[in-house]
Amino acid sequence: MSQYFRTRDEFGLPNYGDTVIFRLQSTASYSDIEIKQAVEQTGEPGTLFRVATQLALIGWAHGAYGSVELDTGVENVTSVFDRLGVSYDNAPGAGLELNELTPKRLVRFFRHEISAYIAREKVPSFLSRKYSRRGDRMFDHLLFPCAEYMEMGDEASEALLLAYRKMDARLHTGFADRAERIMDAVKTSSV
């Protein structure tokens, strides 16, 4: 007898696949709907858009978030985070609530608005300026962190992945593989 069952008949238990009904539970750790509600509850969605755009275009690393220009003047981004309840000292892999705001979640949530801002203002992100090919600059509006969560054509997807790969090679990071998995998931979910 083989170590593995070749047919259902060898299973020897009830045919659960034919009779048991239950609802599958998602393991999703992010929801645009939940983040939208959290952004609105701060009372300052425009401020959070400015912060997200600042982070997407200028970047951040090792807890250095810089400053952002607001209607009231220039403010330290971490002060904005503290005031509006954005978590920014989380350990990698920390279990977050679906509605918990973080820098990356803000950039991801505002991705379409950031793309529109880049297209309107013609201001490329650090990812595009430092790591994209000159010929890919037509995709500037799709070459920023978290753009991988947007639907885009094959050429734009390739340009974004190449920029991530170039950045990974220079900085010894691992963004490209994750971005590729995300883009594959986005394409699959939109079919």
N, C-alpha and C. Protein backbone atom coordinates (compact mmCIF):
# COMPACT_ATOMS: atom_id res chain seq x y z
N MET A 1 0.85 -1.18 0.00
CA MET A 1 0.00 0.00 0.00
C MET A 1 0.90 1.25 0.00
N SER A 2 0.50 2.23 -0.74
CA SER A 2 1.25 3.48 -0.87
C SER A 2 1.14 4.32 0.40
N GLN A 3 2.11 5.15 0.62
CA GLN A 3 2.12 6.06 1.77
C GLN A 3 1.03 7.11 1.64
N TYR A 4 0.60 7.42 0.41
CA TYR A 4 -0.38 8.46 0.15
C TYR A 4 -1.63 7.86 -0.49
N PHE A 5 -2.79 8.33 -0.07
CA PHE A 5 -4.04 7.90 -0.69
C PHE A 5 -4.11 8.42 -2.12
N ARG A 6 -4.49 7.54 -3.02
CA ARG A 6 -4.62 7.94 -4.42
C ARG A 6 -6.05 8.32 -4.78
N THR A 7 -7.00 7.90 -3.97
CA THR A 7 -8.41 8.19 -4.26
C THR A 7 -9.13 8.54 -2.96
N ARG A 8 -10.31 9.08 -3.11
CA ARG A 8 -11.15 9.39 -1.95
C ARG A 8 -11.59 8.13 -1.24
N ASP A 9 -11.78 7.04 -1.99
CA ASP A 9 -12.24 5.79 -1.39
C ASP A 9 -11.27 5.27 -0.34
N GLU A 10 -9.99 5.52 -0.52
CA GLU A 10 -8.99 5.06 0.44
C GLU A 10 -8.98 5.92 1.71
N PHE A 11 -9.60 7.08 1.67
CA PHE A 11 -9.60 8.03 2.78
C PHE A 11 -10.21 7.39 4.03
N GLY A 12 -11.33 6.66 3.88
CA GLY A 12 -11.92 5.92 4.97
C GLY A 12 -12.72 6.72 5.97
N LEU A 13 -12.91 7.98 5.74
CA LEU A 13 -13.74 8.81 6.61
C LEU A 13 -14.90 9.35 5.78
N PRO A 14 -15.89 10.01 6.41
CA PRO A 14 -16.98 10.58 5.62
C PRO A 14 -16.43 11.54 4.56
N ASN A 15 -17.16 11.69 3.48
CA ASN A 15 -16.76 12.59 2.40
C ASN A 15 -17.12 14.03 2.78
N TYR A 16 -16.27 14.62 3.61
CA TYR A 16 -16.52 15.96 4.12
C TYR A 16 -16.66 17.00 3.01
N GLY A 17 -15.91 16.84 1.95
CA GLY A 17 -15.98 17.79 0.85
C GLY A 17 -17.35 17.89 0.22
N ASP A 18 -18.16 16.83 0.37
CA ASP A 18 -19.50 16.81 -0.20
C ASP A 18 -20.57 17.27 0.77
N THR A 19 -20.28 17.28 2.08
CA THR A 19 -21.35 17.49 3.05
C THR A 19 -21.16 18.65 4.01
N VAL A 20 -19.94 19.01 4.33
CA VAL A 20 -19.72 20.04 5.33
C VAL A 20 -19.78 21.43 4.69
N ILE A 21 -20.56 22.31 5.32
CA ILE A 21 -20.70 23.68 4.83
C ILE A 21 -20.22 24.62 5.93
N PHE A 22 -19.30 25.51 5.58
CA PHE A 22 -18.82 26.51 6.53
C PHE A 22 -18.22 27.68 5.75
N ARG A 23 -18.08 28.78 6.41
CA ARG A 23 -17.54 29.98 5.78
C ARG A 23 -16.04 30.06 6.05
N LEU A 24 -15.26 30.24 4.99
CA LEU A 24 -13.81 30.38 5.14
C LEU A 24 -13.50 31.74 5.78
N GLN A 25 -12.51 31.76 6.64
CA GLN A 25 -12.11 32.98 7.33
C GLN A 25 -10.87 33.57 6.66
N SER A 26 -10.95 34.82 6.33
CA SER A 26 -9.85 35.50 5.66
C SER A 26 -8.68 35.71 6.61
N THR A 27 -7.48 35.69 6.05
CA THR A 27 -6.29 36.02 6.83
C THR A 27 -5.77 37.40 6.43
N ALA A 28 -6.60 38.17 5.74
CA ALA A 28 -6.19 39.50 5.29
C ALA A 28 -5.80 40.36 6.48
N SER A 29 -4.73 41.09 6.31
CA SER A 29 -4.27 41.96 7.39
C SER A 29 -4.40 43.44 7.00
N TYR A 30 -5.05 43.71 5.88
CA TYR A 30 -5.22 45.08 5.40
C TYR A 30 -6.57 45.21 4.72
N SER A 31 -7.22 46.33 4.93
CA SER A 31 -8.50 46.61 4.28
C SER A 31 -8.58 48.10 3.96
N ASP A 32 -8.74 48.45 2.68
CA ASP A 32 -8.90 49.85 2.30
C ASP A 32 -10.10 50.47 3.02
N ILE A 33 -11.16 49.68 3.19
CA ILE A 33 -12.37 50.20 3.84
C ILE A 33 -12.08 50.58 5.29
N GLU A 34 -11.39 49.69 6.01
CA GLU A 34 -11.04 49.97 7.41
C GLU A 34 -10.08 51.15 7.52
N ILE A 35 -9.10 51.21 6.63
CA ILE A 35 -8.14 52.31 6.66
C ILE A 35 -8.83 53.63 6.31
N LYS A 36 -9.75 53.60 5.36
CA LYS A 36 -10.49 54.82 5.01
C LYS A 36 -11.23 55.37 6.22
N GLN A 37 -11.89 54.48 6.95
CA GLN A 37 -12.62 54.91 8.15
C GLN A 37 -11.66 55.51 9.18
N ALA A 38 -10.51 54.87 9.37
CA ALA A 38 -9.53 55.37 10.33
C ALA A 38 -8.97 56.72 9.90
N VAL A 39 -8.72 56.88 8.60
CA VAL A 39 -8.23 58.15 8.07
C VAL A 39 -9.27 59.25 8.31
N GLU A 40 -10.52 58.95 8.01
CA GLU A 40 -11.59 59.93 8.20
C GLU A 40 -11.75 60.29 9.68
N GLN A 41 -11.61 59.31 10.56
CA GLN A 41 -11.78 59.54 12.00
C GLN A 41 -10.71 60.48 12.57
N THR A 42 -9.58 60.61 11.91
CA THR A 42 -8.57 61.54 12.40
C THR A 42 -9.03 62.99 12.24
N GLY A 43 -9.97 63.21 11.33
CA GLY A 43 -10.43 64.56 11.05
C GLY A 43 -9.48 65.34 10.15
N GLU A 44 -8.38 64.69 9.74
CA GLU A 44 -7.39 65.37 8.90
C GLU A 44 -6.92 64.50 7.74
N PRO A 45 -7.86 64.04 6.90
CA PRO A 45 -7.43 63.19 5.79
C PRO A 45 -6.49 63.91 4.82
N GLY A 46 -6.67 65.21 4.63
CA GLY A 46 -5.78 65.96 3.74
C GLY A 46 -4.35 66.01 4.27
N THR A 47 -4.22 66.11 5.58
CA THR A 47 -2.89 66.08 6.19
C THR A 47 -2.24 64.72 5.98
N LEU A 48 -3.01 63.66 6.17
CA LEU A 48 -2.47 62.31 5.98
C LEU A 48 -2.11 62.06 4.51
N PHE A 49 -2.88 62.64 3.58
CA PHE A 49 -2.50 62.54 2.16
C PHE A 49 -1.15 63.21 1.92
N ARG A 50 -0.96 64.39 2.47
CA ARG A 50 0.31 65.09 2.29
C ARG A 50 1.47 64.29 2.86
N VAL A 51 1.26 63.72 4.04
CA VAL A 51 2.30 62.89 4.66
C VAL A 51 2.60 61.68 3.79
N ALA A 52 1.55 60.99 3.34
CA ALA A 52 1.74 59.80 2.51
C ALA A 52 2.47 60.14 1.22
N THR A 53 2.13 61.25 0.62
CA THR A 53 2.79 61.68 -0.62
C THR A 53 4.24 62.03 -0.35
N GLN A 54 4.50 62.73 0.72
CA GLN A 54 5.87 63.06 1.12
C GLN A 54 6.70 61.78 1.28
N LEU A 55 6.15 60.79 1.96
CA LEU A 55 6.87 59.54 2.18
C LEU A 55 7.09 58.78 0.88
N ALA A 56 6.07 58.75 0.03
CA ALA A 56 6.18 58.00 -1.23
C ALA A 56 7.18 58.64 -2.18
N LEU A 57 7.25 59.95 -2.19
CA LEU A 57 8.13 60.62 -3.15
C LEU A 57 9.55 60.84 -2.62
N ILE A 58 9.67 61.14 -1.35
CA ILE A 58 10.98 61.40 -0.76
C ILE A 58 11.56 60.15 -0.10
N GLY A 59 10.70 59.35 0.49
CA GLY A 59 11.12 58.12 1.14
C GLY A 59 11.34 58.28 2.63
N TRP A 60 11.59 57.17 3.30
CA TRP A 60 11.92 57.17 4.72
C TRP A 60 12.68 55.90 5.02
N ALA A 61 13.50 55.95 6.03
CA ALA A 61 14.27 54.77 6.42
C ALA A 61 14.75 54.92 7.86
N HIS A 62 14.79 53.81 8.55
CA HIS A 62 15.36 53.74 9.90
C HIS A 62 14.76 54.79 10.83
N GLY A 63 13.46 54.99 10.76
CA GLY A 63 12.79 55.91 11.66
C GLY A 63 12.93 57.38 11.31
N ALA A 64 13.57 57.69 10.20
CA ALA A 64 13.71 59.08 9.77
C ALA A 64 12.62 59.38 8.74
N TYR A 65 11.61 60.14 9.16
CA TYR A 65 10.47 60.42 8.30
C TYR A 65 10.48 61.84 7.72
N GLY A 66 11.34 62.70 8.25
CA GLY A 66 11.45 64.05 7.72
C GLY A 66 10.31 64.96 8.15
N SER A 67 10.06 65.96 7.32
CA SER A 67 9.04 66.97 7.60
C SER A 67 8.08 67.04 6.42
N VAL A 68 6.94 67.65 6.67
CA VAL A 68 5.93 67.81 5.63
C VAL A 68 5.36 69.23 5.69
N GLU A 69 5.07 69.79 4.53
CA GLU A 69 4.46 71.12 4.48
C GLU A 69 2.95 71.00 4.61
N LEU A 70 2.41 71.67 5.61
CA LEU A 70 0.97 71.71 5.84
C LEU A 70 0.48 73.14 5.70
N ASP A 71 -0.82 73.35 5.75
CA ASP A 71 -1.36 74.71 5.65
C ASP A 71 -0.88 75.59 6.79
N THR A 72 -0.56 74.98 7.93
CA THR A 72 -0.13 75.73 9.12
C THR A 72 1.38 75.92 9.18
N GLY A 73 2.10 75.37 8.20
CA GLY A 73 3.56 75.47 8.18
C GLY A 73 4.19 74.09 8.05
N VAL A 74 5.49 74.03 8.20
CA VAL A 74 6.21 72.77 8.09
C VAL A 74 6.19 72.08 9.45
N GLU A 75 5.87 70.78 9.42
CA GLU A 75 5.78 70.01 10.67
C GLU A 75 6.56 68.71 10.54
N ASN A 76 7.17 68.30 11.61
CA ASN A 76 7.86 67.03 11.65
C ASN A 76 6.83 65.91 11.46
N VAL A 77 7.12 64.96 10.58
CA VAL A 77 6.17 63.89 10.27
C VAL A 77 5.84 63.08 11.52
N THR A 78 6.81 62.80 12.36
CA THR A 78 6.50 62.02 13.57
C THR A 78 5.57 62.79 14.50
N SER A 79 5.63 64.11 14.50
CA SER A 79 4.68 64.90 15.29
C SER A 79 3.27 64.72 14.75
N VAL A 80 3.14 64.70 13.42
CA VAL A 80 1.84 64.45 12.80
C VAL A 80 1.36 63.05 13.19
N PHE A 81 2.26 62.07 13.10
CA PHE A 81 1.89 60.71 13.47
C PHE A 81 1.39 60.65 14.92
N ASP A 82 2.13 61.28 15.82
CA ASP A 82 1.74 61.27 17.23
C ASP A 82 0.38 61.93 17.43
N ARG A 83 0.17 63.05 16.78
CA ARG A 83 -1.07 63.81 16.93
C ARG A 83 -2.28 63.06 16.38
N LEU A 84 -2.06 62.33 15.27
CA LEU A 84 -3.19 61.67 14.60
C LEU A 84 -3.27 60.17 14.86
N GLY A 85 -2.42 59.66 15.73
CA GLY A 85 -2.52 58.26 16.12
C GLY A 85 -1.99 57.27 15.10
N VAL A 86 -0.98 57.66 14.34
CA VAL A 86 -0.37 56.76 13.37
C VAL A 86 0.76 56.00 14.07
N SER A 87 0.73 54.68 13.99
CA SER A 87 1.77 53.85 14.60
C SER A 87 2.99 53.81 13.68
N TYR A 88 4.16 54.13 14.21
CA TYR A 88 5.34 54.15 13.36
C TYR A 88 6.55 53.48 13.97
N ASP A 89 6.42 52.92 15.15
CA ASP A 89 7.52 52.22 15.79
C ASP A 89 7.25 50.72 15.88
N ASN A 90 6.49 50.19 14.96
CA ASN A 90 6.12 48.78 15.00
C ASN A 90 7.29 47.90 14.58
N ALA A 91 7.40 46.77 15.25
CA ALA A 91 8.40 45.78 14.84
C ALA A 91 7.93 45.11 13.55
N PRO A 92 8.85 44.73 12.66
CA PRO A 92 8.43 44.00 11.46
C PRO A 92 7.64 42.75 11.83
N GLY A 93 6.54 42.54 11.13
CA GLY A 93 5.71 41.37 11.39
C GLY A 93 4.78 41.53 12.57
N ALA A 94 4.72 42.74 13.14
CA ALA A 94 3.82 42.98 14.27
C ALA A 94 2.38 42.78 13.82
N GLY A 95 1.60 42.14 14.64
CA GLY A 95 0.19 41.96 14.33
C GLY A 95 -0.54 43.28 14.48
N LEU A 96 -1.07 43.80 13.39
CA LEU A 96 -1.77 45.08 13.40
C LEU A 96 -3.27 44.85 13.25
N GLU A 97 -4.04 45.73 13.84
CA GLU A 97 -5.49 45.72 13.63
C GLU A 97 -5.76 46.19 12.19
N LEU A 98 -6.87 45.75 11.62
CA LEU A 98 -7.20 46.13 10.23
C LEU A 98 -7.29 47.64 10.05
N ASN A 99 -7.68 48.35 11.10
CA ASN A 99 -7.87 49.80 10.98
C ASN A 99 -6.70 50.60 11.54
N GLU A 100 -5.60 49.94 11.86
CA GLU A 100 -4.45 50.63 12.43
C GLU A 100 -3.65 51.34 11.34
N LEU A 101 -3.41 52.63 11.54
CA LEU A 101 -2.67 53.42 10.56
C LEU A 101 -1.18 53.30 10.81
N THR A 102 -0.43 53.08 9.72
CA THR A 102 1.03 53.06 9.74
C THR A 102 1.51 53.85 8.52
N PRO A 103 2.78 54.23 8.49
CA PRO A 103 3.26 54.96 7.30
C PRO A 103 3.02 54.20 6.00
N LYS A 104 3.38 52.93 5.97
CA LYS A 104 3.19 52.17 4.73
C LYS A 104 1.72 52.03 4.37
N ARG A 105 0.87 51.82 5.36
CA ARG A 105 -0.56 51.72 5.08
C ARG A 105 -1.12 53.02 4.53
N LEU A 106 -0.61 54.15 5.00
CA LEU A 106 -1.06 55.43 4.46
C LEU A 106 -0.66 55.57 2.99
N VAL A 107 0.57 55.22 2.66
CA VAL A 107 1.02 55.30 1.27
C VAL A 107 0.19 54.34 0.41
N ARG A 108 -0.02 53.13 0.92
CA ARG A 108 -0.83 52.16 0.17
C ARG A 108 -2.25 52.66 -0.02
N PHE A 109 -2.86 53.20 1.02
CA PHE A 109 -4.23 53.69 0.92
C PHE A 109 -4.37 54.83 -0.08
N PHE A 110 -3.43 55.77 -0.06
CA PHE A 110 -3.50 56.94 -0.93
C PHE A 110 -2.83 56.71 -2.29
N ARG A 111 -2.53 55.48 -2.65
CA ARG A 111 -1.75 55.18 -3.86
C ARG A 111 -2.33 55.81 -5.12
N HIS A 112 -3.63 55.79 -5.30
CA HIS A 112 -4.23 56.36 -6.51
C HIS A 112 -4.10 57.88 -6.52
N GLU A 113 -4.26 58.49 -5.35
CA GLU A 113 -4.13 59.94 -5.25
C GLU A 113 -2.67 60.37 -5.42
N ILE A 114 -1.75 59.58 -4.90
CA ILE A 114 -0.32 59.87 -5.08
C ILE A 114 0.04 59.79 -6.55
N SER A 115 -0.48 58.78 -7.23
CA SER A 115 -0.23 58.63 -8.67
C SER A 115 -0.75 59.85 -9.43
N ALA A 116 -1.96 60.31 -9.08
CA ALA A 116 -2.53 61.49 -9.74
C ALA A 116 -1.69 62.74 -9.44
N TYR A 117 -1.20 62.86 -8.22
CA TYR A 117 -0.36 64.00 -7.84
C TYR A 117 0.93 64.00 -8.67
N ILE A 118 1.56 62.84 -8.79
CA ILE A 118 2.80 62.74 -9.58
C ILE A 118 2.54 63.13 -11.03
N ALA A 119 1.44 62.63 -11.59
CA ALA A 119 1.11 62.94 -12.99
C ALA A 119 0.86 64.44 -13.16
N ARG A 120 0.15 65.04 -12.23
CA ARG A 120 -0.18 66.46 -12.33
C ARG A 120 1.03 67.35 -12.12
N GLU A 121 1.81 67.07 -11.10
CA GLU A 121 2.93 67.93 -10.72
C GLU A 121 4.23 67.58 -11.44
N LYS A 122 4.25 66.42 -12.10
CA LYS A 122 5.46 65.96 -12.80
C LYS A 122 6.65 65.87 -11.84
N VAL A 123 6.40 65.34 -10.66
CA VAL A 123 7.43 65.18 -9.63
C VAL A 123 7.64 63.68 -9.41
N PRO A 124 8.75 63.13 -9.88
CA PRO A 124 8.98 61.69 -9.71
C PRO A 124 9.38 61.35 -8.28
N SER A 125 9.13 60.11 -7.90
CA SER A 125 9.52 59.63 -6.58
C SER A 125 11.01 59.31 -6.56
N PHE A 126 11.54 59.11 -5.37
CA PHE A 126 12.94 58.70 -5.23
C PHE A 126 13.18 57.38 -5.96
N LEU A 127 12.19 56.49 -5.97
CA LEU A 127 12.33 55.20 -6.63
C LEU A 127 12.54 55.39 -8.13
N SER A 128 11.81 56.30 -8.71
CA SER A 128 11.95 56.59 -10.14
C SER A 128 13.25 57.34 -10.42
N ARG A 129 13.53 58.40 -9.65
CA ARG A 129 14.73 59.23 -9.88
C ARG A 129 16.02 58.42 -9.74
N LYS A 130 16.11 57.62 -8.71
CA LYS A 130 17.36 56.94 -8.40
C LYS A 130 17.52 55.58 -9.07
N TYR A 131 16.40 54.89 -9.33
CA TYR A 131 16.52 53.48 -9.70
C TYR A 131 15.84 53.07 -11.00
N SER A 132 15.09 53.95 -11.65
CA SER A 132 14.43 53.53 -12.89
C SER A 132 15.32 53.82 -14.10
N ARG A 133 15.01 53.16 -15.20
CA ARG A 133 15.70 53.44 -16.45
C ARG A 133 15.14 54.73 -17.03
N ARG A 134 15.98 55.44 -17.73
CA ARG A 134 15.56 56.72 -18.33
C ARG A 134 14.32 56.54 -19.21
N GLY A 135 14.28 55.46 -19.96
CA GLY A 135 13.15 55.21 -20.85
C GLY A 135 11.85 54.88 -20.14
N ASP A 136 11.94 54.59 -18.85
CA ASP A 136 10.74 54.24 -18.07
C ASP A 136 10.11 55.45 -17.41
N ARG A 137 10.66 56.63 -17.63
CA ARG A 137 10.15 57.83 -16.95
C ARG A 137 8.71 58.15 -17.36
N MET A 138 8.23 57.58 -18.48
CA MET A 138 6.83 57.79 -18.85
C MET A 138 5.88 57.14 -17.84
N PHE A 139 6.45 56.26 -16.99
CA PHE A 139 5.66 55.58 -15.97
C PHE A 139 5.88 56.18 -14.59
N ASP A 140 6.43 57.38 -14.51
CA ASP A 140 6.72 57.99 -13.21
C ASP A 140 5.54 57.92 -12.25
N HIS A 141 4.33 58.12 -12.79
CA HIS A 141 3.14 58.11 -11.93
C HIS A 141 2.84 56.73 -11.34
N LEU A 142 3.58 55.71 -11.78
CA LEU A 142 3.41 54.35 -11.25
C LEU A 142 4.70 53.82 -10.62
N LEU A 143 5.71 54.67 -10.49
CA LEU A 143 6.99 54.23 -9.94
C LEU A 143 7.21 54.86 -8.58
N PHE A 144 6.53 54.33 -7.59
CA PHE A 144 6.69 54.77 -6.20
C PHE A 144 6.31 53.62 -5.29
N PRO A 145 6.78 53.63 -4.06
CA PRO A 145 6.45 52.54 -3.14
C PRO A 145 4.94 52.38 -2.99
N CYS A 146 4.49 51.17 -3.01
CA CYS A 146 3.08 50.77 -2.88
C CYS A 146 2.29 50.90 -4.18
N ALA A 147 2.93 51.35 -5.26
CA ALA A 147 2.24 51.37 -6.56
C ALA A 147 1.94 49.94 -7.02
N GLU A 148 2.68 48.98 -6.49
CA GLU A 148 2.44 47.58 -6.86
C GLU A 148 1.03 47.12 -6.50
N TYR A 149 0.35 47.85 -5.63
CA TYR A 149 -1.03 47.51 -5.26
C TYR A 149 -2.05 48.05 -6.26
N MET A 150 -1.58 48.72 -7.31
CA MET A 150 -2.46 49.26 -8.34
C MET A 150 -2.45 48.36 -9.57
N GLU A 151 -3.54 48.37 -10.29
CA GLU A 151 -3.57 47.67 -11.58
C GLU A 151 -2.75 48.50 -12.57
N MET A 152 -1.91 47.81 -13.35
CA MET A 152 -1.11 48.51 -14.36
C MET A 152 -0.76 47.53 -15.46
N GLY A 153 -0.38 48.05 -16.60
CA GLY A 153 -0.01 47.22 -17.74
C GLY A 153 1.32 46.53 -17.53
N ASP A 154 1.63 45.63 -18.45
CA ASP A 154 2.86 44.84 -18.34
C ASP A 154 4.12 45.70 -18.39
N GLU A 155 4.15 46.71 -19.26
CA GLU A 155 5.35 47.56 -19.36
C GLU A 155 5.59 48.34 -18.08
N ALA A 156 4.52 48.89 -17.51
CA ALA A 156 4.66 49.64 -16.26
C ALA A 156 5.07 48.70 -15.12
N SER A 157 4.48 47.51 -15.08
CA SER A 157 4.85 46.51 -14.06
C SER A 157 6.33 46.17 -14.15
N GLU A 158 6.80 45.96 -15.38
CA GLU A 158 8.21 45.65 -15.59
C GLU A 158 9.10 46.80 -15.15
N ALA A 159 8.70 48.03 -15.45
CA ALA A 159 9.48 49.20 -15.05
C ALA A 159 9.57 49.31 -13.53
N LEU A 160 8.46 49.06 -12.84
CA LEU A 160 8.45 49.12 -11.38
C LEU A 160 9.33 48.02 -10.79
N LEU A 161 9.20 46.81 -11.31
CA LEU A 161 10.03 45.71 -10.81
C LEU A 161 11.51 45.94 -11.05
N LEU A 162 11.85 46.48 -12.21
CA LEU A 162 13.26 46.77 -12.49
C LEU A 162 13.81 47.83 -11.53
N ALA A 163 13.01 48.83 -11.23
CA ALA A 163 13.45 49.86 -10.27
C ALA A 163 13.66 49.24 -8.90
N TYR A 164 12.73 48.40 -8.46
CA TYR A 164 12.88 47.73 -7.17
C TYR A 164 14.13 46.83 -7.17
N ARG A 165 14.35 46.10 -8.26
CA ARG A 165 15.52 45.21 -8.32
C ARG A 165 16.83 46.00 -8.24
N LYS A 166 16.86 47.13 -8.93
CA LYS A 166 18.06 47.97 -8.89
C LYS A 166 18.28 48.51 -7.47
N MET A 167 17.21 48.92 -6.82
CA MET A 167 17.31 49.40 -5.45
C MET A 167 17.76 48.26 -4.52
N ASP A 168 17.16 47.09 -4.69
CA ASP A 168 17.55 45.92 -3.88
C ASP A 168 19.03 45.61 -4.02
N ALA A 169 19.53 45.68 -5.25
CA ALA A 169 20.95 45.37 -5.49
C ALA A 169 21.86 46.39 -4.81
N ARG A 170 21.46 47.66 -4.84
CA ARG A 170 22.30 48.70 -4.23
C ARG A 170 22.22 48.72 -2.72
N LEU A 171 21.01 48.48 -2.19
CA LEU A 171 20.80 48.64 -0.75
C LEU A 171 20.71 47.31 0.01
N HIS A 172 20.80 46.21 -0.72
CA HIS A 172 20.69 44.87 -0.12
C HIS A 172 19.36 44.71 0.61
N THR A 173 18.30 45.11 -0.07
CA THR A 173 16.94 44.95 0.45
C THR A 173 16.23 43.87 -0.35
N GLY A 174 14.97 43.64 -0.08
CA GLY A 174 14.24 42.58 -0.77
C GLY A 174 12.85 42.98 -1.20
N PHE A 175 12.72 44.17 -1.78
CA PHE A 175 11.40 44.67 -2.17
C PHE A 175 10.86 44.05 -3.46
N ALA A 176 11.72 43.71 -4.39
CA ALA A 176 11.26 43.29 -5.72
C ALA A 176 10.45 42.01 -5.68
N ASP A 177 10.91 41.00 -4.95
CA ASP A 177 10.18 39.74 -4.91
C ASP A 177 8.78 39.92 -4.32
N ARG A 178 8.71 40.69 -3.25
CA ARG A 178 7.41 40.93 -2.62
C ARG A 178 6.50 41.73 -3.56
N ALA A 179 7.05 42.74 -4.20
CA ALA A 179 6.26 43.55 -5.13
C ALA A 179 5.73 42.69 -6.28
N GLU A 180 6.55 41.77 -6.76
CA GLU A 180 6.11 40.90 -7.85
C GLU A 180 4.96 40.01 -7.39
N ARG A 181 5.04 39.47 -6.19
CA ARG A 181 3.94 38.64 -5.67
C ARG A 181 2.66 39.46 -5.53
N ILE A 182 2.80 40.69 -5.06
CA ILE A 182 1.65 41.56 -4.90
C ILE A 182 1.03 41.88 -6.25
N MET A 183 1.86 42.20 -7.25
CA MET A 183 1.33 42.52 -8.59
C MET A 183 0.63 41.32 -9.19
N ASP A 184 1.16 40.13 -8.98
CA ASP A 184 0.49 38.91 -9.46
C ASP A 184 -0.87 38.75 -8.78
N ALA A 185 -0.94 39.02 -7.48
CA ALA A 185 -2.21 38.91 -6.75
C ALA A 185 -3.20 39.95 -7.22
N VAL A 186 -2.73 41.17 -7.48
CA VAL A 186 -3.62 42.23 -7.96
C VAL A 186 -4.19 41.87 -9.32
N LYS A 187 -3.33 41.34 -10.22
CA LYS A 187 -3.82 40.92 -11.54
C LYS A 187 -4.84 39.81 -11.42
N THR A 188 -4.59 38.84 -10.55
CA THR A 188 -5.51 37.72 -10.36
C THR A 188 -6.84 38.18 -9.80
N SER A 189 -6.81 39.11 -8.85
CA SER A 189 -8.06 39.56 -8.22
C SER A 189 -8.88 40.43 -9.15
N SER A 190 -8.27 41.01 -10.17
CA SER A 190 -9.02 41.90 -11.06
C SER A 190 -9.60 41.15 -12.26
N VAL A 191 -9.32 39.86 -12.37
CA VAL A 191 -9.82 39.09 -13.51
C VAL A 191 -11.26 38.71 -13.29
